[in-house]
PDB file of N, CA and C in Angstrom:
ATOM      1  N   MET A   1      50.961 127.276  48.015  1.00  0.00           N
ATOM      2  CA  MET A   1      51.115 126.716  47.100  1.00  0.00           C
ATOM      3  C   MET A   1      49.212 126.803  47.236  1.00  0.00           C
ATOM      4  N   ALA A   2      48.955 126.421  48.140  1.00  0.00           N
ATOM      5  CA  ALA A   2      47.060 126.911  48.087  1.00  0.00           C
ATOM      6  C   ALA A   2      46.128 127.613  47.398  1.00  0.00           C
ATOM      7  N   THR A   3      46.852 129.008  48.259  1.00  0.00           N
ATOM      8  CA  THR A   3      46.394 130.813  48.172  1.00  0.00           C
ATOM      9  C   THR A   3      46.470 130.500  46.427  1.00  0.00           C
ATOM     10  N   GLU A   4      47.889 129.982  45.461  1.00  0.00           N
ATOM     11  CA  GLU A   4      48.067 129.958  44.168  1.00  0.00           C
ATOM     12  C   GLU A   4      47.072 129.173  43.736  1.00  0.00           C
ATOM     13  N   LEU A   5      46.711 128.460  43.881  1.00  0.00           N
ATOM     14  CA  LEU A   5      45.492 126.846  43.570  1.00  0.00           C
ATOM     15  C   LEU A   5      44.083 127.737  43.920  1.00  0.00           C
ATOM     16  N   HIS A   6      44.200 128.527  44.911  1.00  0.00           N
ATOM     17  CA  HIS A   6      42.676 129.494  45.368  1.00  0.00           C
ATOM     18  C   HIS A   6      42.158 130.501  44.266  1.00  0.00           C
ATOM     19  N   ARG A   7      43.120 131.229  44.011  1.00  0.00           N
ATOM     20  CA  ARG A   7      43.803 132.309  43.513  1.00  0.00           C
ATOM     21  C   ARG A   7      43.047 131.477  41.569  1.00  0.00           C
ATOM     22  N   LEU A   8      43.425 130.853  40.901  1.00  0.00           N
ATOM     23  CA  LEU A   8      43.107 130.399  39.849  1.00  0.00           C
ATOM     24  C   LEU A   8      41.894 129.701  39.760  1.00  0.00           C
ATOM     25  N   CYS A   9      41.463 128.566  40.688  1.00  0.00           N
ATOM     26  CA  CYS A   9      39.825 128.877  41.028  1.00  0.00           C
ATOM     27  C   CYS A   9      38.666 129.862  40.760  1.00  0.00           C
ATOM     28  N   MET A  10      38.711 131.313  41.875  1.00  0.00           N
ATOM     29  CA  MET A  10      38.000 132.421  41.948  1.00  0.00           C
ATOM     30  C   MET A  10      38.579 132.599  40.499  1.00  0.00           C
ATOM     31  N   GLN A  11      39.195 133.089  39.732  1.00  0.00           N
ATOM     32  CA  GLN A  11      39.653 133.411  38.556  1.00  0.00           C
ATOM     33  C   GLN A  11      38.384 132.743  37.437  1.00  0.00           C
ATOM     34  N   VAL A  12      38.315 131.201  37.694  1.00  0.00           N
ATOM     35  CA  VAL A  12      37.173 130.255  36.946  1.00  0.00           C
ATOM     36  C   VAL A  12      36.378 130.225  37.797  1.00  0.00           C
ATOM     37  N   ALA A  13      36.511 129.664  38.518  1.00  0.00           N
ATOM     38  CA  ALA A  13      35.100 130.374  39.181  1.00  0.00           C
ATOM     39  C   ALA A  13      34.705 130.229  40.130  1.00  0.00           C
ATOM     40  N   PRO A  14      33.780 132.392  40.286  1.00  0.00           N
ATOM     41  CA  PRO A  14      34.392 132.871  41.938  1.00  0.00           C
ATOM     42  C   PRO A  14      33.330 132.915  42.717  1.00  0.00           C
ATOM     43  N   ALA A  15      32.333 131.934  41.943  1.00  0.00           N
ATOM     44  CA  ALA A  15      31.392 131.806  42.822  1.00  0.00           C
ATOM     45  C   ALA A  15      30.832 130.520  43.854  1.00  0.00           C
ATOM     46  N   LEU A  16      31.509 129.485  43.451  1.00  0.00           N
ATOM     47  CA  LEU A  16      31.766 128.547  43.450  1.00  0.00           C
ATOM     48  C   LEU A  16      33.179 128.069  45.250  1.00  0.00           C
ATOM     49  N   PHE A  17      34.115 129.352  44.312  1.00  0.00           N
ATOM     50  CA  PHE A  17      35.521 129.046  45.462  1.00  0.00           C
ATOM     51  C   PHE A  17      35.108 130.609  46.297  1.00  0.00           C
ATOM     52  N   ALA A  18      33.855 131.536  46.632  1.00  0.00           N
ATOM     53  CA  ALA A  18      34.153 132.459  46.930  1.00  0.00           C
ATOM     54  C   ALA A  18      34.497 132.010  48.793  1.00  0.00           C
ATOM     55  N   ASP A  19      33.177 130.474  49.380  1.00  0.00           N
ATOM     56  CA  ASP A  19      34.303 130.802  50.259  1.00  0.00           C
ATOM     57  C   ASP A  19      34.890 129.527  50.580  1.00  0.00           C
ATOM     58  N   ALA A  20      35.680 129.172  49.608  1.00  0.00           N
ATOM     59  CA  ALA A  20      36.655 128.261  50.268  1.00  0.00           C
ATOM     60  C   ALA A  20      37.763 128.523  50.788  1.00  0.00           C
ATOM     61  N   GLY A  21      38.245 127.718  51.751  1.00  0.00           N
ATOM     62  CA  GLY A  21      38.994 127.997  52.888  1.00  0.00           C
ATOM     63  C   GLY A  21      39.138 127.732  54.058  1.00  0.00           C
ATOM     64  N   PRO A  22      39.974 128.072  54.882  1.00  0.00           N
ATOM     65  CA  PRO A  22      39.755 127.700  56.675  1.00  0.00           C
ATOM     66  C   PRO A  22      38.490 128.370  57.115  1.00  0.00           C
ATOM     67  N   GLY A  23      37.565 127.077  58.121  1.00  0.00           N
ATOM     68  CA  GLY A  23      36.731 127.644  59.226  1.00  0.00           C
ATOM     69  C   GLY A  23      36.850 129.409  59.757  1.00  0.00           C
ATOM     70  N   CYS A  24      38.075 129.566  59.704  1.00  0.00           N
ATOM     71  CA  CYS A  24      38.069 130.974  60.579  1.00  0.00           C
ATOM     72  C   CYS A  24      38.267 131.872  59.577  1.00  0.00           C
ATOM     73  N   LEU A  25      37.850 131.965  58.718  1.00  0.00           N
ATOM     74  CA  LEU A  25      36.860 133.076  57.060  1.00  0.00           C
ATOM     75  C   LEU A  25      35.743 133.430  57.198  1.00  0.00           C
ATOM     76  N   ARG A  26      35.914 132.464  58.269  1.00  0.00           N
ATOM     77  CA  ARG A  26      34.280 132.836  58.403  1.00  0.00           C
ATOM     78  C   ARG A  26      33.239 133.590  59.421  1.00  0.00           C
ATOM     79  N   GLY A  27      34.284 132.868  59.955  1.00  0.00           N
ATOM     80  CA  GLY A  27      33.728 133.659  61.563  1.00  0.00           C
ATOM     81  C   GLY A  27      35.385 132.504  63.165  1.00  0.00           C
ATOM     82  N   ALA A  28      34.697 132.564  63.880  1.00  0.00           N
ATOM     83  CA  ALA A  28      35.949 131.615  65.010  1.00  0.00           C
ATOM     84  C   ALA A  28      37.193 130.632  64.160  1.00  0.00           C
ATOM     85  N   CYS A  29      36.868 130.142  64.556  1.00  0.00           N
ATOM     86  CA  CYS A  29      37.852 129.132  64.253  1.00  0.00           C
ATOM     87  C   CYS A  29      37.553 128.046  64.988  1.00  0.00           C
ATOM     88  N   PRO A  30      36.905 126.695  64.033  1.00  0.00           N
ATOM     89  CA  PRO A  30      36.093 125.554  64.393  1.00  0.00           C
ATOM     90  C   PRO A  30      37.386 124.517  64.923  1.00  0.00           C
ATOM     91  N   GLU A  31      38.942 124.676  65.300  1.00  0.00           N
ATOM     92  CA  GLU A  31      40.074 123.503  65.935  1.00  0.00           C
ATOM     93  C   GLU A  31      39.504 123.875  66.782  1.00  0.00           C
ATOM     94  N   GLY A  32      39.478 124.566  67.673  1.00  0.00           N
ATOM     95  CA  GLY A  32      39.798 124.709  69.095  1.00  0.00           C
ATOM     96  C   GLY A  32      40.737 125.081  69.678  1.00  0.00           C
ATOM     97  N   GLU A  33      41.164 124.018  70.326  1.00  0.00           N
ATOM     98  CA  GLU A  33      42.621 123.853  71.234  1.00  0.00           C
ATOM     99  C   GLU A  33      43.538 123.485  69.764  1.00  0.00           C
ATOM    100  N   LYS A  34      43.124 122.515  68.550  1.00  0.00           N
ATOM    101  CA  LYS A  34      44.351 122.601  68.107  1.00  0.00           C
ATOM    102  C   LYS A  34      44.169 123.479  66.777  1.00  0.00           C
ATOM    103  N   SER A  35      43.942 125.159  67.089  1.00  0.00           N
ATOM    104  CA  SER A  35      43.734 126.134  65.947  1.00  0.00           C
ATOM    105  C   SER A  35      45.375 126.369  66.317  1.00  0.00           C
ATOM    106  N   CYS A  36      45.554 126.816  65.038  1.00  0.00           N
ATOM    107  CA  CYS A  36      46.921 127.123  64.095  1.00  0.00           C
ATOM    108  C   CYS A  36      47.360 128.782  65.064  1.00  0.00           C
ATOM    109  N   GLY A  37      46.278 129.449  64.904  1.00  0.00           N
ATOM    110  CA  GLY A  37      46.499 131.057  66.155  1.00  0.00           C
ATOM    111  C   GLY A  37      46.648 132.033  65.310  1.00  0.00           C
ATOM    112  N   ARG A  38      46.753 131.185  64.194  1.00  0.00           N
ATOM    113  CA  ARG A  38      46.549 132.490  63.157  1.00  0.00           C
ATOM    114  C   ARG A  38      45.905 133.325  62.815  1.00  0.00           C
ATOM    115  N   ALA A  39      44.370 132.711  62.898  1.00  0.00           N
ATOM    116  CA  ALA A  39      43.060 133.002  61.750  1.00  0.00           C
ATOM    117  C   ALA A  39      43.464 135.405  61.165  1.00  0.00           C
ATOM    118  N   ARG A  40      43.865 135.572  62.512  1.00  0.00           N
ATOM    119  CA  ARG A  40      43.987 137.314  62.015  1.00  0.00           C
ATOM    120  C   ARG A  40      44.728 137.401  60.571  1.00  0.00           C
ATOM    121  N   GLN A  41      45.987 137.343  61.160  1.00  0.00           N
ATOM    122  CA  GLN A  41      46.617 136.709  59.837  1.00  0.00           C
ATOM    123  C   GLN A  41      46.023 136.219  58.664  1.00  0.00           C
ATOM    124  N   VAL A  42      45.476 135.028  58.516  1.00  0.00           N
ATOM    125  CA  VAL A  42      44.734 134.343  57.487  1.00  0.00           C
ATOM    126  C   VAL A  42      43.643 135.620  56.630  1.00  0.00           C
ATOM    127  N   ARG A  43      42.657 135.627  57.661  1.00  0.00           N
ATOM    128  CA  ARG A  43      42.155 137.031  57.110  1.00  0.00           C
ATOM    129  C   ARG A  43      42.204 138.241  56.131  1.00  0.00           C
ATOM    130  N   GLU A  44      43.694 138.170  56.539  1.00  0.00           N
ATOM    131  CA  GLU A  44      44.642 139.645  56.242  1.00  0.00           C
ATOM    132  C   GLU A  44      45.095 139.086  54.686  1.00  0.00           C
ATOM    133  N   GLU A  45      45.710 137.902  54.487  1.00  0.00           N
ATOM    134  CA  GLU A  45      46.718 137.439  53.643  1.00  0.00           C
ATOM    135  C   GLU A  45      44.870 137.099  52.366  1.00  0.00           C
ATOM    136  N   ARG A  46      43.593 137.180  53.600  1.00  0.00           N
ATOM    137  CA  ARG A  46      42.411 136.680  51.998  1.00  0.00           C
ATOM    138  C   ARG A  46      42.021 137.605  51.812  1.00  0.00           C
ATOM    139  N   ARG A  47      42.137 138.533  52.186  1.00  0.00           N
ATOM    140  CA  ARG A  47      41.328 140.123  52.089  1.00  0.00           C
ATOM    141  C   ARG A  47      42.476 140.875  50.776  1.00  0.00           C
ATOM    142  N   LEU A  48      44.160 140.402  51.170  1.00  0.00           N
ATOM    143  CA  LEU A  48      44.758 141.140  50.012  1.00  0.00           C
ATOM    144  C   LEU A  48      45.012 139.950  49.061  1.00  0.00           C
ATOM    145  N   LEU A  49      44.606 139.242  48.741  1.00  0.00           N
ATOM    146  CA  LEU A  49      44.275 138.497  47.525  1.00  0.00           C
ATOM    147  C   LEU A  49      43.303 138.749  46.354  1.00  0.00           C
ATOM    148  N   LEU A  50      41.960 139.066  47.659  1.00  0.00           N
ATOM    149  CA  LEU A  50      41.083 139.535  47.143  1.00  0.00           C
ATOM    150  C   LEU A  50      41.250 140.746  46.135  1.00  0.00           C
ATOM    151  N   GLU A  51      41.895 141.835  47.113  1.00  0.00           N
ATOM    152  CA  GLU A  51      41.747 143.162  46.357  1.00  0.00           C
ATOM    153  C   GLU A  51      42.734 143.701  45.432  1.00  0.00           C
ATOM    154  N   ARG A  52      43.959 141.928  45.826  1.00  0.00           N
ATOM    155  CA  ARG A  52      44.952 142.125  44.479  1.00  0.00           C
ATOM    156  C   ARG A  52      44.256 141.132  43.320  1.00  0.00           C
ATOM    157  N   MET A  53      42.665 140.503  43.710  1.00  0.00           N
ATOM    158  CA  MET A  53      42.315 140.496  42.440  1.00  0.00           C
ATOM    159  C   MET A  53      41.874 140.715  41.920  1.00  0.00           C
ATOM    160  N   GLU A  54      41.644 140.980  42.280  1.00  0.00           N
ATOM    161  CA  GLU A  54      40.023 142.784  41.359  1.00  0.00           C
ATOM    162  C   GLU A  54      40.861 144.137  40.478  1.00  0.00           C
ATOM    163  N   GLU A  55      42.186 144.343  41.606  1.00  0.00           N
ATOM    164  CA  GLU A  55      43.053 144.701  40.674  1.00  0.00           C
ATOM    165  C   GLU A  55      43.346 144.781  39.713  1.00  0.00           C
ATOM    166  N   GLU A  56      43.101 142.686  39.373  1.00  0.00           N
ATOM    167  CA  GLU A  56      44.171 142.589  38.487  1.00  0.00           C
ATOM    168  C   GLU A  56      43.213 142.381  37.390  1.00  0.00           C
ATOM    169  N   LYS A  57      41.571 142.138  37.965  1.00  0.00           N
ATOM    170  CA  LYS A  57      40.735 142.716  37.196  1.00  0.00           C
ATOM    171  C   LYS A  57      39.903 143.689  35.863  1.00  0.00           C
ATOM    172  N   LYS A  58      40.284 144.774  36.932  1.00  0.00           N
ATOM    173  CA  LYS A  58      40.762 146.427  36.641  1.00  0.00           C
ATOM    174  C   LYS A  58      41.166 146.000  35.200  1.00  0.00           C
ATOM    175  N   ASN A  59      42.660 145.789  35.523  1.00  0.00           N
ATOM    176  CA  ASN A  59      43.753 146.089  35.061  1.00  0.00           C
ATOM    177  C   ASN A  59      43.451 145.689  33.536  1.00  0.00           C
ATOM    178  N   ASP A  60      43.149 144.008  33.823  1.00  0.00           N
ATOM    179  CA  ASP A  60      42.711 143.546  32.529  1.00  0.00           C
ATOM    180  C   ASP A  60      41.123 143.876  31.848  1.00  0.00           C
ATOM    181  N   ARG A  61      40.334 144.463  32.294  1.00  0.00           N
ATOM    182  CA  ARG A  61      38.862 145.589  31.311  1.00  0.00           C
ATOM    183  C   ARG A  61      39.217 146.047  30.566  1.00  0.00           C
ATOM    184  N   SER A  62      40.907 147.538  31.572  1.00  0.00           N
ATOM    185  CA  SER A  62      41.187 148.356  30.384  1.00  0.00           C
ATOM    186  C   SER A  62      42.774 148.980  30.184  1.00  0.00           C
ATOM    187  N   GLY A  63      42.813 146.900  30.152  1.00  0.00           N
ATOM    188  CA  GLY A  63      43.987 147.114  28.732  1.00  0.00           C
ATOM    189  C   GLY A  63      45.336 147.166  29.574  1.00  0.00           C
ATOM    190  N   SER A  64      45.564 147.728  31.068  1.00  0.00           N
ATOM    191  CA  SER A  64      46.573 148.054  31.317  1.00  0.00           C
ATOM    192  C   SER A  64      47.607 146.839  31.458  1.00  0.00           C
TER     193      SER A  64
END
């Protein structure tokens, strides 16, 4: 649900929400011992989301 909310926010105000999300997206996990241990997976999921959004944007512009 959080991913979908982020996706919708990015469509409306990408500059405002570009850095939204967990701290591990921007560097080392700030949670220390309480880390979920999924930083690499979280980064990959965000990368894929941004790629899908870019592809959707291209498709919208081309009328596809």
